Amino acid sequence: MFFTDWEGPWILTDFALELCMAVFNNARFFSNLSEYDDYLAYEVRREGYEAGYTLKLLTPFLAAAGVKNRDVERIAELSAKFVPDAEKAMATLQERWTPVVISTSYTQYLRRTASMIGVRGELHGTEVDFDSIAVPEGLREELLSIIDVIASLSGEELFRKLDELFSRSEVRKIVESVKAVGAGEKAKIVRGYCESKGIDFPVVVGDSISDYKMFEAARGLGGVAIAFNGNEYALKHADVAIISPTAMSEAKVIELFMERKERAFEVLSAVSIPETEIYIMENSDFGEVLEKSKRMRVRLRGLAGELG
């Protein structure tokens, strides 16, 4: 088994962003929710809050707009854009190993898009039943009207506004109905598999803030954390950084570590894939790797590559 995030390493889409565009036509609204998520998880470190809970925060607004499970699945299929060679890379790995995909995104999206490239492994995502959420009319109108306000704010003013909104009992009730997979849950899932399956060298791939705790879990268990076009949060906690426009690069690195475990570090420099650079982070200039990785993220993912 190997462990991997979904958005970033395999699919270019940031589905929460795509939902906001499809339903509200407002990318700034989502980027502000994402910034608030980073703020709660990584700056103030609010008790009980995990990086990657943006999907919990977004749920009341989507429910207010009348989004149902079938809408999520339909938008998932229409918006899906995969990392180049993702299907080939996944097929290569699945010839020998089972992928455990751990994503912060909604399970409706994860299941649909994973099936599109033939993933046959275990899938873990954020669970919510939109069909069962009833939003009172007054709250529905208020949530829809405040979207543009949230999009217009920044900094402390934004954080105060969202603190106020999510402290309200009727909004909190919807948020708490979502069974989210955030950074802490990702780490717990990795530890659970390692314990139950006797895995002594977990190989974990991710790219963002929601992956840093499972990176730390893997390293603590004697394994390896691999950042694929990672942002600053991921790179700070990674052993290996891959900067590449093709999923075949991560397939090769995963293969090496699955076969050779810690001895794979000795042969990483021999990996030769066009437009691909592989770094062992403890031996590399962090600033240089970060700048190259950020450029590749934006090249492949556009606005989604700039988010936490």
C-alpha atoms as a PDB file:
ATOM      1  CA  MET A   1       0.000   0.000   0.000  1.00  0.00           C
ATOM      2  CA  PHE A   2       1.000   3.595  -0.595  1.00  0.00           C
ATOM      3  CA  PHE A   3      -0.808   6.695   0.657  1.00  0.00           C
ATOM      4  CA  THR A   4      -1.644   9.744  -1.399  1.00  0.00           C
ATOM      5  CA  ASP A   5      -3.592  12.953  -1.486  1.00  0.00           C
ATOM      6  CA  TRP A   6      -5.832  13.386  -4.542  1.00  0.00           C
ATOM      7  CA  GLU A   7      -6.025  17.050  -5.572  1.00  0.00           C
ATOM      8  CA  GLY A   8      -2.551  18.126  -6.627  1.00  0.00           C
ATOM      9  CA  PRO A   9      -0.725  14.808  -6.995  1.00  0.00           C
ATOM     10  CA  TRP A  10      -3.289  13.231  -9.363  1.00  0.00           C
ATOM     11  CA  ILE A  11      -5.975  15.711 -10.335  1.00  0.00           C
ATOM     12  CA  LEU A  12      -5.418  19.377 -11.128  1.00  0.00           C
ATOM     13  CA  THR A  13      -8.896  20.481 -10.134  1.00  0.00           C
ATOM     14  CA  ASP A  14      -9.521  22.186  -6.809  1.00  0.00           C
ATOM     15  CA  PHE A  15     -13.076  20.957  -6.581  1.00  0.00           C
ATOM     16  CA  ALA A  16     -14.206  23.369  -3.882  1.00  0.00           C
ATOM     17  CA  LEU A  17     -13.078  26.225  -6.120  1.00  0.00           C
ATOM     18  CA  GLU A  18     -14.871  24.674  -9.098  1.00  0.00           C
ATOM     19  CA  LEU A  19     -18.062  24.366  -7.038  1.00  0.00           C
ATOM     20  CA  CYS A  20     -17.860  28.020  -6.037  1.00  0.00           C
ATOM     21  CA  MET A  21     -17.443  29.034  -9.652  1.00  0.00           C
ATOM     22  CA  ALA A  22     -20.237  26.771 -10.887  1.00  0.00           C
ATOM     23  CA  VAL A  23     -22.718  27.713  -8.153  1.00  0.00           C
ATOM     24  CA  PHE A  24     -21.753  31.277  -7.150  1.00  0.00           C
ATOM     25  CA  ASN A  25     -19.420  32.418  -9.967  1.00  0.00           C
ATOM     26  CA  ASN A  26     -17.163  33.813  -7.253  1.00  0.00           C
ATOM     27  CA  ALA A  27     -13.552  32.637  -6.997  1.00  0.00           C
ATOM     28  CA  ARG A  28     -12.638  35.344  -4.477  1.00  0.00           C
ATOM     29  CA  PHE A  29     -15.264  34.034  -2.056  1.00  0.00           C
ATOM     30  CA  PHE A  30     -13.607  30.632  -2.081  1.00  0.00           C
ATOM     31  CA  SER A  31     -10.060  31.975  -1.838  1.00  0.00           C
ATOM     32  CA  ASN A  32     -11.138  33.939   1.257  1.00  0.00           C
ATOM     33  CA  LEU A  33     -12.670  30.827   2.835  1.00  0.00           C
ATOM     34  CA  SER A  34      -9.434  28.986   2.062  1.00  0.00           C
ATOM     35  CA  GLU A  35      -7.406  31.777   3.661  1.00  0.00           C
ATOM     36  CA  TYR A  36      -9.621  31.579   6.747  1.00  0.00           C
ATOM     37  CA  ASP A  37      -9.017  27.816   6.870  1.00  0.00           C
ATOM     38  CA  ASP A  38      -5.235  28.379   6.808  1.00  0.00           C
ATOM     39  CA  TYR A  39      -5.605  31.066   9.493  1.00  0.00           C
ATOM     40  CA  LEU A  40      -7.580  28.825  11.864  1.00  0.00           C
ATOM     41  CA  ALA A  41      -5.409  25.754  11.350  1.00  0.00           C
ATOM     42  CA  TYR A  42      -1.891  27.111  11.020  1.00  0.00           C
ATOM     43  CA  GLU A  43      -1.868  30.528  12.699  1.00  0.00           C
ATOM     44  CA  VAL A  44      -4.289  30.586  15.633  1.00  0.00           C
ATOM     45  CA  ARG A  45      -4.408  26.754  15.775  1.00  0.00           C
ATOM     46  CA  ARG A  46      -7.994  26.723  16.999  1.00  0.00           C
ATOM     47  CA  GLU A  47      -8.742  23.685  19.136  1.00  0.00           C
ATOM     48  CA  GLY A  48     -10.562  20.976  17.199  1.00  0.00           C
ATOM     49  CA  TYR A  49      -9.973  22.649  13.846  1.00  0.00           C
ATOM     50  CA  GLU A  50      -7.852  20.952  11.183  1.00  0.00           C
ATOM     51  CA  ALA A  51      -6.301  22.242   7.976  1.00  0.00           C
ATOM     52  CA  GLY A  52      -8.502  21.205   5.074  1.00  0.00           C
ATOM     53  CA  TYR A  53     -11.832  21.873   6.784  1.00  0.00           C
ATOM     54  CA  THR A  54     -12.670  24.406   4.062  1.00  0.00           C
ATOM     55  CA  LEU A  55     -15.240  21.909   2.767  1.00  0.00           C
ATOM     56  CA  LYS A  56     -17.031  22.060   6.127  1.00  0.00           C
ATOM     57  CA  LEU A  57     -17.116  25.857   5.927  1.00  0.00           C
ATOM     58  CA  LEU A  58     -18.415  25.789   2.365  1.00  0.00           C
ATOM     59  CA  THR A  59     -21.253  23.326   2.993  1.00  0.00           C
ATOM     60  CA  PRO A  60     -23.843  25.762   4.463  1.00  0.00           C
ATOM     61  CA  PHE A  61     -23.506  28.051   1.438  1.00  0.00           C
ATOM     62  CA  LEU A  62     -23.864  25.204  -1.057  1.00  0.00           C
ATOM     63  CA  ALA A  63     -26.863  23.829   0.815  1.00  0.00           C
ATOM     64  CA  ALA A  64     -28.437  27.302   0.841  1.00  0.00           C
ATOM     65  CA  ALA A  65     -28.049  27.393  -2.946  1.00  0.00           C
ATOM     66  CA  GLY A  66     -29.954  24.119  -3.239  1.00  0.00           C
ATOM     67  CA  VAL A  67     -26.996  21.929  -4.205  1.00  0.00           C
ATOM     68  CA  LYS A  68     -27.764  18.190  -4.016  1.00  0.00           C
ATOM     69  CA  ASN A  69     -25.612  15.072  -4.212  1.00  0.00           C
ATOM     70  CA  ARG A  70     -26.322  14.602  -7.926  1.00  0.00           C
ATOM     71  CA  ASP A  71     -25.168  18.178  -8.606  1.00  0.00           C
ATOM     72  CA  VAL A  72     -21.842  17.517  -6.882  1.00  0.00           C
ATOM     73  CA  GLU A  73     -21.309  14.380  -8.962  1.00  0.00           C
ATOM     74  CA  ARG A  74     -22.233  16.150 -12.198  1.00  0.00           C
ATOM     75  CA  ILE A  75     -19.916  19.113 -11.564  1.00  0.00           C
ATOM     76  CA  ALA A  76     -17.162  16.680 -10.550  1.00  0.00           C
ATOM     77  CA  GLU A  77     -17.314  14.938 -13.908  1.00  0.00           C
ATOM     78  CA  LEU A  78     -17.553  18.139 -15.934  1.00  0.00           C
ATOM     79  CA  SER A  79     -14.698  19.934 -14.156  1.00  0.00           C
ATOM     80  CA  ALA A  80     -12.191  17.075 -13.807  1.00  0.00           C
ATOM     81  CA  LYS A  81      -8.723  17.786 -15.199  1.00  0.00           C
ATOM     82  CA  PHE A  82      -6.002  15.311 -14.348  1.00  0.00           C
ATOM     83  CA  VAL A  83      -2.248  15.651 -13.947  1.00  0.00           C
ATOM     84  CA  PRO A  84      -0.712  14.617 -17.285  1.00  0.00           C
ATOM     85  CA  ASP A  85      -0.160  10.830 -17.441  1.00  0.00           C
ATOM     86  CA  ALA A  86      -2.167  10.272 -14.233  1.00  0.00           C
ATOM     87  CA  GLU A  87      -4.064   7.276 -15.595  1.00  0.00           C
ATOM     88  CA  LYS A  88      -0.892   5.594 -16.880  1.00  0.00           C
ATOM     89  CA  ALA A  89       1.006   6.305 -13.659  1.00  0.00           C
ATOM     90  CA  MET A  90      -1.779   4.969 -11.457  1.00  0.00           C
ATOM     91  CA  ALA A  91      -2.134   1.843 -13.596  1.00  0.00           C
ATOM     92  CA  THR A  92       1.605   1.212 -13.328  1.00  0.00           C
ATOM     93  CA  LEU A  93       1.550   1.433  -9.540  1.00  0.00           C
ATOM     94  CA  GLN A  94      -1.630  -0.628  -9.186  1.00  0.00           C
ATOM     95  CA  GLU A  95       0.019  -3.563 -10.927  1.00  0.00           C
ATOM     96  CA  ARG A  96       1.854  -4.159  -7.634  1.00  0.00           C
ATOM     97  CA  TRP A  97       0.408  -1.994  -4.882  1.00  0.00           C
ATOM     98  CA  THR A  98      -2.909  -0.704  -3.569  1.00  0.00           C
ATOM     99  CA  PRO A  99      -3.372   3.073  -3.387  1.00  0.00           C
ATOM    100  CA  VAL A 100      -4.966   4.567  -0.298  1.00  0.00           C
ATOM    101  CA  VAL A 101      -6.332   7.926  -1.453  1.00  0.00           C
ATOM    102  CA  ILE A 102      -6.960  10.371   1.402  1.00  0.00           C
ATOM    103  CA  SER A 103      -8.611  13.625   0.352  1.00  0.00           C
ATOM    104  CA  THR A 104     -10.223  16.590   2.063  1.00  0.00           C
ATOM    105  CA  SER A 105     -12.729  16.813  -0.784  1.00  0.00           C
ATOM    106  CA  TYR A 106     -16.294  15.507  -0.854  1.00  0.00           C
ATOM    107  CA  THR A 107     -16.620  11.749  -1.302  1.00  0.00           C
ATOM    108  CA  GLN A 108     -19.068  12.224  -4.205  1.00  0.00           C
ATOM    109  CA  TYR A 109     -16.296  13.985  -6.123  1.00  0.00           C
ATOM    110  CA  LEU A 110     -13.544  11.635  -4.995  1.00  0.00           C
ATOM    111  CA  ARG A 111     -15.410   8.474  -6.009  1.00  0.00           C
ATOM    112  CA  ARG A 112     -16.455   9.852  -9.389  1.00  0.00           C
ATOM    113  CA  THR A 113     -13.076  11.235 -10.426  1.00  0.00           C
ATOM    114  CA  ALA A 114     -11.086   8.284  -9.065  1.00  0.00           C
ATOM    115  CA  SER A 115     -13.196   5.961 -11.218  1.00  0.00           C
ATOM    116  CA  MET A 116     -12.357   8.079 -14.270  1.00  0.00           C
ATOM    117  CA  ILE A 117      -8.692   6.987 -14.154  1.00  0.00           C
ATOM    118  CA  GLY A 118      -9.323   3.482 -12.852  1.00  0.00           C
ATOM    119  CA  VAL A 119      -8.329   3.801  -9.201  1.00  0.00           C
ATOM    120  CA  ARG A 120      -9.066   0.484  -7.481  1.00  0.00           C
ATOM    121  CA  GLY A 121      -7.819   1.268  -3.991  1.00  0.00           C
ATOM    122  CA  GLU A 122      -9.218   2.641  -0.754  1.00  0.00           C
ATOM    123  CA  LEU A 123     -10.875   6.076  -0.838  1.00  0.00           C
ATOM    124  CA  HIS A 124     -11.261   8.406   2.144  1.00  0.00           C
ATOM    125  CA  GLY A 125     -12.918  11.813   1.770  1.00  0.00           C
ATOM    126  CA  THR A 126     -15.211  14.335   3.435  1.00  0.00           C
ATOM    127  CA  GLU A 127     -18.684  12.879   3.895  1.00  0.00           C
ATOM    128  CA  VAL A 128     -21.819  15.001   3.637  1.00  0.00           C
ATOM    129  CA  ASP A 129     -25.324  14.206   2.441  1.00  0.00           C
ATOM    130  CA  PHE A 130     -26.554  17.357   0.727  1.00  0.00           C
ATOM    131  CA  ASP A 131     -29.945  15.749   0.112  1.00  0.00           C
ATOM    132  CA  SER A 132     -30.634  15.644   3.854  1.00  0.00           C
ATOM    133  CA  ILE A 133     -29.639  19.232   4.740  1.00  0.00           C
ATOM    134  CA  ALA A 134     -32.587  21.567   5.291  1.00  0.00           C
ATOM    135  CA  VAL A 135     -31.726  25.272   5.461  1.00  0.00           C
ATOM    136  CA  PRO A 136     -34.435  27.555   6.948  1.00  0.00           C
ATOM    137  CA  GLU A 137     -35.606  30.198   4.480  1.00  0.00           C
ATOM    138  CA  GLY A 138     -34.334  33.158   6.486  1.00  0.00           C
ATOM    139  CA  LEU A 139     -30.888  31.626   6.908  1.00  0.00           C
ATOM    140  CA  ARG A 140     -30.830  30.585   3.263  1.00  0.00           C
ATOM    141  CA  GLU A 141     -31.372  34.160   2.088  1.00  0.00           C
ATOM    142  CA  GLU A 142     -28.798  35.496   4.540  1.00  0.00           C
ATOM    143  CA  LEU A 143     -26.113  33.006   3.516  1.00  0.00           C
ATOM    144  CA  LEU A 144     -26.593  33.737  -0.169  1.00  0.00           C
ATOM    145  CA  SER A 145     -26.537  37.500   0.371  1.00  0.00           C
ATOM    146  CA  ILE A 146     -23.338  37.443   2.435  1.00  0.00           C
ATOM    147  CA  ILE A 147     -21.224  35.651  -0.192  1.00  0.00           C
ATOM    148  CA  ASP A 148     -20.263  38.851  -2.012  1.00  0.00           C
ATOM    149  CA  VAL A 149     -19.575  40.563   1.317  1.00  0.00           C
ATOM    150  CA  ILE A 150     -17.150  37.812   2.322  1.00  0.00           C
ATOM    151  CA  ALA A 151     -15.490  38.084  -1.081  1.00  0.00           C
ATOM    152  CA  SER A 152     -14.933  41.815  -0.575  1.00  0.00           C
ATOM    153  CA  LEU A 153     -13.159  41.564   2.792  1.00  0.00           C
ATOM    154  CA  SER A 154      -9.567  40.809   3.752  1.00  0.00           C
ATOM    155  CA  GLY A 155      -7.317  40.337   6.765  1.00  0.00           C
ATOM    156  CA  GLU A 156      -8.657  40.806  10.274  1.00  0.00           C
ATOM    157  CA  GLU A 157     -11.960  42.184   9.001  1.00  0.00           C
ATOM    158  CA  LEU A 158     -12.528  38.985   7.027  1.00  0.00           C
ATOM    159  CA  PHE A 159     -11.600  36.761   9.959  1.00  0.00           C
ATOM    160  CA  ARG A 160     -13.907  38.647  12.356  1.00  0.00           C
ATOM    161  CA  LYS A 161     -16.824  38.396   9.940  1.00  0.00           C
ATOM    162  CA  LEU A 162     -16.368  34.664   9.477  1.00  0.00           C
ATOM    163  CA  ASP A 163     -15.811  34.074  13.202  1.00  0.00           C
ATOM    164  CA  GLU A 164     -19.141  35.766  13.831  1.00  0.00           C
ATOM    165  CA  LEU A 165     -20.953  33.789  11.132  1.00  0.00           C
ATOM    166  CA  PHE A 166     -19.659  30.352  12.097  1.00  0.00           C
ATOM    167  CA  SER A 167     -20.282  30.927  15.803  1.00  0.00           C
ATOM    168  CA  ARG A 168     -24.039  31.041  15.170  1.00  0.00           C
ATOM    169  CA  SER A 169     -25.794  27.861  16.272  1.00  0.00           C
ATOM    170  CA  GLU A 170     -27.865  27.350  13.108  1.00  0.00           C
ATOM    171  CA  VAL A 171     -24.772  27.640  10.897  1.00  0.00           C
ATOM    172  CA  ARG A 172     -22.633  25.579  13.245  1.00  0.00           C
ATOM    173  CA  LYS A 173     -25.243  22.798  13.169  1.00  0.00           C
ATOM    174  CA  ILE A 174     -24.808  22.408   9.404  1.00  0.00           C
ATOM    175  CA  VAL A 175     -21.020  22.586   9.632  1.00  0.00           C
ATOM    176  CA  GLU A 176     -20.916  19.951  12.358  1.00  0.00           C
ATOM    177  CA  SER A 177     -23.040  17.568  10.270  1.00  0.00           C
ATOM    178  CA  VAL A 178     -20.107  17.236   7.867  1.00  0.00           C
ATOM    179  CA  LYS A 179     -17.719  14.369   8.599  1.00  0.00           C
ATOM    180  CA  ALA A 180     -14.576  16.016   7.323  1.00  0.00           C
ATOM    181  CA  VAL A 181     -11.164  14.654   6.467  1.00  0.00           C
ATOM    182  CA  GLY A 182      -8.632  17.316   7.394  1.00  0.00           C
ATOM    183  CA  ALA A 183      -4.946  17.220   8.275  1.00  0.00           C
ATOM    184  CA  GLY A 184      -5.475  15.399  11.570  1.00  0.00           C
ATOM    185  CA  GLU A 185      -7.792  12.810  10.068  1.00  0.00           C
ATOM    186  CA  LYS A 186      -5.319  12.148   7.255  1.00  0.00           C
ATOM    187  CA  ALA A 187      -2.597  11.369   9.780  1.00  0.00           C
ATOM    188  CA  LYS A 188      -4.955   9.144  11.779  1.00  0.00           C
ATOM    189  CA  ILE A 189      -5.900   7.172   8.655  1.00  0.00           C
ATOM    190  CA  VAL A 190      -2.232   6.585   7.781  1.00  0.00           C
ATOM    191  CA  ARG A 191      -1.459   5.414  11.322  1.00  0.00           C
ATOM    192  CA  GLY A 192      -4.505   3.147  11.317  1.00  0.00           C
ATOM    193  CA  TYR A 193      -3.491   1.337   8.144  1.00  0.00           C
ATOM    194  CA  CYS A 194       0.111   0.991   9.296  1.00  0.00           C
ATOM    195  CA  GLU A 195      -1.019  -0.577  12.552  1.00  0.00           C
ATOM    196  CA  SER A 196      -3.641  -2.898  11.053  1.00  0.00           C
ATOM    197  CA  LYS A 197      -1.583  -3.949   8.011  1.00  0.00           C
ATOM    198  CA  GLY A 198       1.831  -4.066   9.663  1.00  0.00           C
ATOM    199  CA  ILE A 199       3.311  -1.390   7.379  1.00  0.00           C
ATOM    200  CA  ASP A 200       6.748  -0.397   8.690  1.00  0.00           C
ATOM    201  CA  PHE A 201       7.720   2.042   5.926  1.00  0.00           C
ATOM    202  CA  PRO A 202       4.728   4.169   4.877  1.00  0.00           C
ATOM    203  CA  VAL A 203       5.163   6.022   1.586  1.00  0.00           C
ATOM    204  CA  VAL A 204       3.029   9.174   1.580  1.00  0.00           C
ATOM    205  CA  VAL A 205       2.467  11.720  -1.212  1.00  0.00           C
ATOM    206  CA  GLY A 206       0.867  15.153  -0.835  1.00  0.00           C
ATOM    207  CA  ASP A 207       1.196  18.778  -1.828  1.00  0.00           C
ATOM    208  CA  SER A 208      -0.481  21.182   0.606  1.00  0.00           C
ATOM    209  CA  ILE A 209      -1.280  22.314   4.136  1.00  0.00           C
ATOM    210  CA  SER A 210      -3.757  19.489   4.720  1.00  0.00           C
ATOM    211  CA  ASP A 211      -0.973  16.953   4.141  1.00  0.00           C
ATOM    212  CA  TYR A 212       1.602  18.132   6.657  1.00  0.00           C
ATOM    213  CA  LYS A 213       0.317  16.032   9.556  1.00  0.00           C
ATOM    214  CA  MET A 214       0.256  12.813   7.540  1.00  0.00           C
ATOM    215  CA  PHE A 215       3.773  13.685   6.380  1.00  0.00           C
ATOM    216  CA  GLU A 216       4.817  13.931  10.019  1.00  0.00           C
ATOM    217  CA  ALA A 217       2.982  10.681  10.792  1.00  0.00           C
ATOM    218  CA  ALA A 218       4.798   8.846   7.996  1.00  0.00           C
ATOM    219  CA  ARG A 219       8.178  10.156   9.085  1.00  0.00           C
ATOM    220  CA  GLY A 220       7.449   9.302  12.700  1.00  0.00           C
ATOM    221  CA  LEU A 221       6.642   5.734  11.672  1.00  0.00           C
ATOM    222  CA  GLY A 222       9.939   5.413   9.817  1.00  0.00           C
ATOM    223  CA  GLY A 223       8.597   6.099   6.325  1.00  0.00           C
ATOM    224  CA  VAL A 224       8.942   8.869   3.765  1.00  0.00           C
ATOM    225  CA  ALA A 225       6.990  12.043   2.946  1.00  0.00           C
ATOM    226  CA  ILE A 226       6.988  13.057  -0.731  1.00  0.00           C
ATOM    227  CA  ALA A 227       5.785  16.480  -1.880  1.00  0.00           C
ATOM    228  CA  PHE A 228       4.596  16.571  -5.490  1.00  0.00           C
ATOM    229  CA  ASN A 229       4.723  20.189  -6.683  1.00  0.00           C
ATOM    230  CA  GLY A 230       4.216  21.074  -3.044  1.00  0.00           C
ATOM    231  CA  ASN A 231       3.483  24.454  -1.531  1.00  0.00           C
ATOM    232  CA  GLU A 232       5.375  25.917   1.419  1.00  0.00           C
ATOM    233  CA  TYR A 233       3.386  24.011   4.044  1.00  0.00           C
ATOM    234  CA  ALA A 234       4.035  20.645   2.389  1.00  0.00           C
ATOM    235  CA  LEU A 235       7.696  21.276   1.600  1.00  0.00           C
ATOM    236  CA  LYS A 236       8.468  22.213   5.211  1.00  0.00           C
ATOM    237  CA  HIS A 237       7.465  18.711   6.291  1.00  0.00           C
ATOM    238  CA  ALA A 238       8.664  16.676   3.287  1.00  0.00           C
ATOM    239  CA  ASP A 239      11.687  14.409   2.880  1.00  0.00           C
ATOM    240  CA  VAL A 240      11.557  14.506  -0.916  1.00  0.00           C
ATOM    241  CA  ALA A 241      10.265  17.145  -3.328  1.00  0.00           C
ATOM    242  CA  ILE A 242       9.240  16.339  -6.890  1.00  0.00           C
ATOM    243  CA  ILE A 243       8.827  19.230  -9.315  1.00  0.00           C
ATOM    244  CA  SER A 244       7.314  17.874 -12.488  1.00  0.00           C
ATOM    245  CA  PRO A 245       4.541  18.251 -15.091  1.00  0.00           C
ATOM    246  CA  THR A 246       3.901  14.485 -15.237  1.00  0.00           C
ATOM    247  CA  ALA A 247       2.464  11.947 -12.810  1.00  0.00           C
ATOM    248  CA  MET A 248       4.980   9.398 -14.105  1.00  0.00           C
ATOM    249  CA  SER A 249       7.585  11.143 -11.950  1.00  0.00           C
ATOM    250  CA  GLU A 250       5.695  10.450  -8.732  1.00  0.00           C
ATOM    251  CA  ALA A 251       4.995   6.891  -9.889  1.00  0.00           C
ATOM    252  CA  LYS A 252       8.734   6.318 -10.322  1.00  0.00           C
ATOM    253  CA  VAL A 253       9.627   7.795  -6.933  1.00  0.00           C
ATOM    254  CA  ILE A 254       6.839   5.874  -5.179  1.00  0.00           C
ATOM    255  CA  GLU A 255       8.045   2.698  -6.894  1.00  0.00           C
ATOM    256  CA  LEU A 256      11.617   3.237  -5.713  1.00  0.00           C
ATOM    257  CA  PHE A 257      10.600   3.755  -2.098  1.00  0.00           C
ATOM    258  CA  MET A 258       8.150   0.848  -2.119  1.00  0.00           C
ATOM    259  CA  GLU A 259      10.893  -1.446  -3.438  1.00  0.00           C
ATOM    260  CA  ARG A 260      13.976  -0.125  -1.655  1.00  0.00           C
ATOM    261  CA  LYS A 261      12.580   1.754   1.375  1.00  0.00           C
ATOM    262  CA  GLU A 262      15.227   4.096   2.846  1.00  0.00           C
ATOM    263  CA  ARG A 263      17.821   2.870   0.327  1.00  0.00           C
ATOM    264  CA  ALA A 264      15.849   4.693  -2.372  1.00  0.00           C
ATOM    265  CA  PHE A 265      17.470   7.953  -1.262  1.00  0.00           C
ATOM    266  CA  GLU A 266      20.738   6.631  -2.727  1.00  0.00           C
ATOM    267  CA  VAL A 267      19.354   6.364  -6.269  1.00  0.00           C
ATOM    268  CA  LEU A 268      16.972   9.327  -6.566  1.00  0.00           C
ATOM    269  CA  SER A 269      19.592  11.340  -8.425  1.00  0.00           C
ATOM    270  CA  ALA A 270      19.577   8.709 -11.182  1.00  0.00           C
ATOM    271  CA  VAL A 271      15.893   9.262 -11.995  1.00  0.00           C
ATOM    272  CA  SER A 272      15.667  10.952 -15.384  1.00  0.00           C
ATOM    273  CA  ILE A 273      12.283  12.250 -16.555  1.00  0.00           C
ATOM    274  CA  PRO A 274      11.862  15.273 -18.862  1.00  0.00           C
ATOM    275  CA  GLU A 275      11.217  18.603 -17.095  1.00  0.00           C
ATOM    276  CA  THR A 276      11.442  16.864 -13.718  1.00  0.00           C
ATOM    277  CA  GLU A 277      13.602  17.769 -10.731  1.00  0.00           C
ATOM    278  CA  ILE A 278      13.798  15.691  -7.554  1.00  0.00           C
ATOM    279  CA  TYR A 279      15.237  17.052  -4.317  1.00  0.00           C
ATOM    280  CA  ILE A 280      16.139  15.518  -0.974  1.00  0.00           C
ATOM    281  CA  MET A 281      14.989  18.380   1.205  1.00  0.00           C
ATOM    282  CA  GLU A 282      17.595  18.141   3.962  1.00  0.00           C
ATOM    283  CA  ASN A 283      20.323  18.562   1.328  1.00  0.00           C
ATOM    284  CA  SER A 284      18.609  21.328  -0.641  1.00  0.00           C
ATOM    285  CA  ASP A 285      18.114  25.078  -0.531  1.00  0.00           C
ATOM    286  CA  PHE A 286      14.539  25.431   0.705  1.00  0.00           C
ATOM    287  CA  GLY A 287      13.930  28.797  -0.960  1.00  0.00           C
ATOM    288  CA  GLU A 288      15.110  27.564  -4.341  1.00  0.00           C
ATOM    289  CA  VAL A 289      12.961  24.426  -4.194  1.00  0.00           C
ATOM    290  CA  LEU A 290       9.939  26.424  -3.045  1.00  0.00           C
ATOM    291  CA  GLU A 291      10.168  28.922  -5.896  1.00  0.00           C
ATOM    292  CA  LYS A 292      10.501  26.186  -8.521  1.00  0.00           C
ATOM    293  CA  SER A 293       7.669  24.195  -6.983  1.00  0.00           C
ATOM    294  CA  LYS A 294       5.372  27.227  -6.822  1.00  0.00           C
ATOM    295  CA  ARG A 295       5.996  27.971 -10.489  1.00  0.00           C
ATOM    296  CA  MET A 296       5.116  24.413 -11.479  1.00  0.00           C
ATOM    297  CA  ARG A 297       1.979  24.463  -9.308  1.00  0.00           C
ATOM    298  CA  VAL A 298       0.703  27.580 -11.018  1.00  0.00           C
ATOM    299  CA  ARG A 299       1.730  26.300 -14.460  1.00  0.00           C
ATOM    300  CA  LEU A 300      -0.337  23.150 -13.986  1.00  0.00           C
ATOM    301  CA  ARG A 301      -3.178  24.317 -11.742  1.00  0.00           C
ATOM    302  CA  GLY A 302      -3.572  28.064 -12.249  1.00  0.00           C
ATOM    303  CA  LEU A 303      -5.407  29.768  -9.365  1.00  0.00           C
ATOM    304  CA  ALA A 304      -5.824  26.441  -7.550  1.00  0.00           C
ATOM    305  CA  GLY A 305      -2.035  26.205  -7.321  1.00  0.00           C
ATOM    306  CA  GLU A 306      -1.873  29.423  -5.328  1.00  0.00           C
ATOM    307  CA  LEU A 307      -4.194  28.218  -2.560  1.00  0.00           C
ATOM    308  CA  GLY A 308      -3.117  26.610   0.722  1.00  0.00           C
END
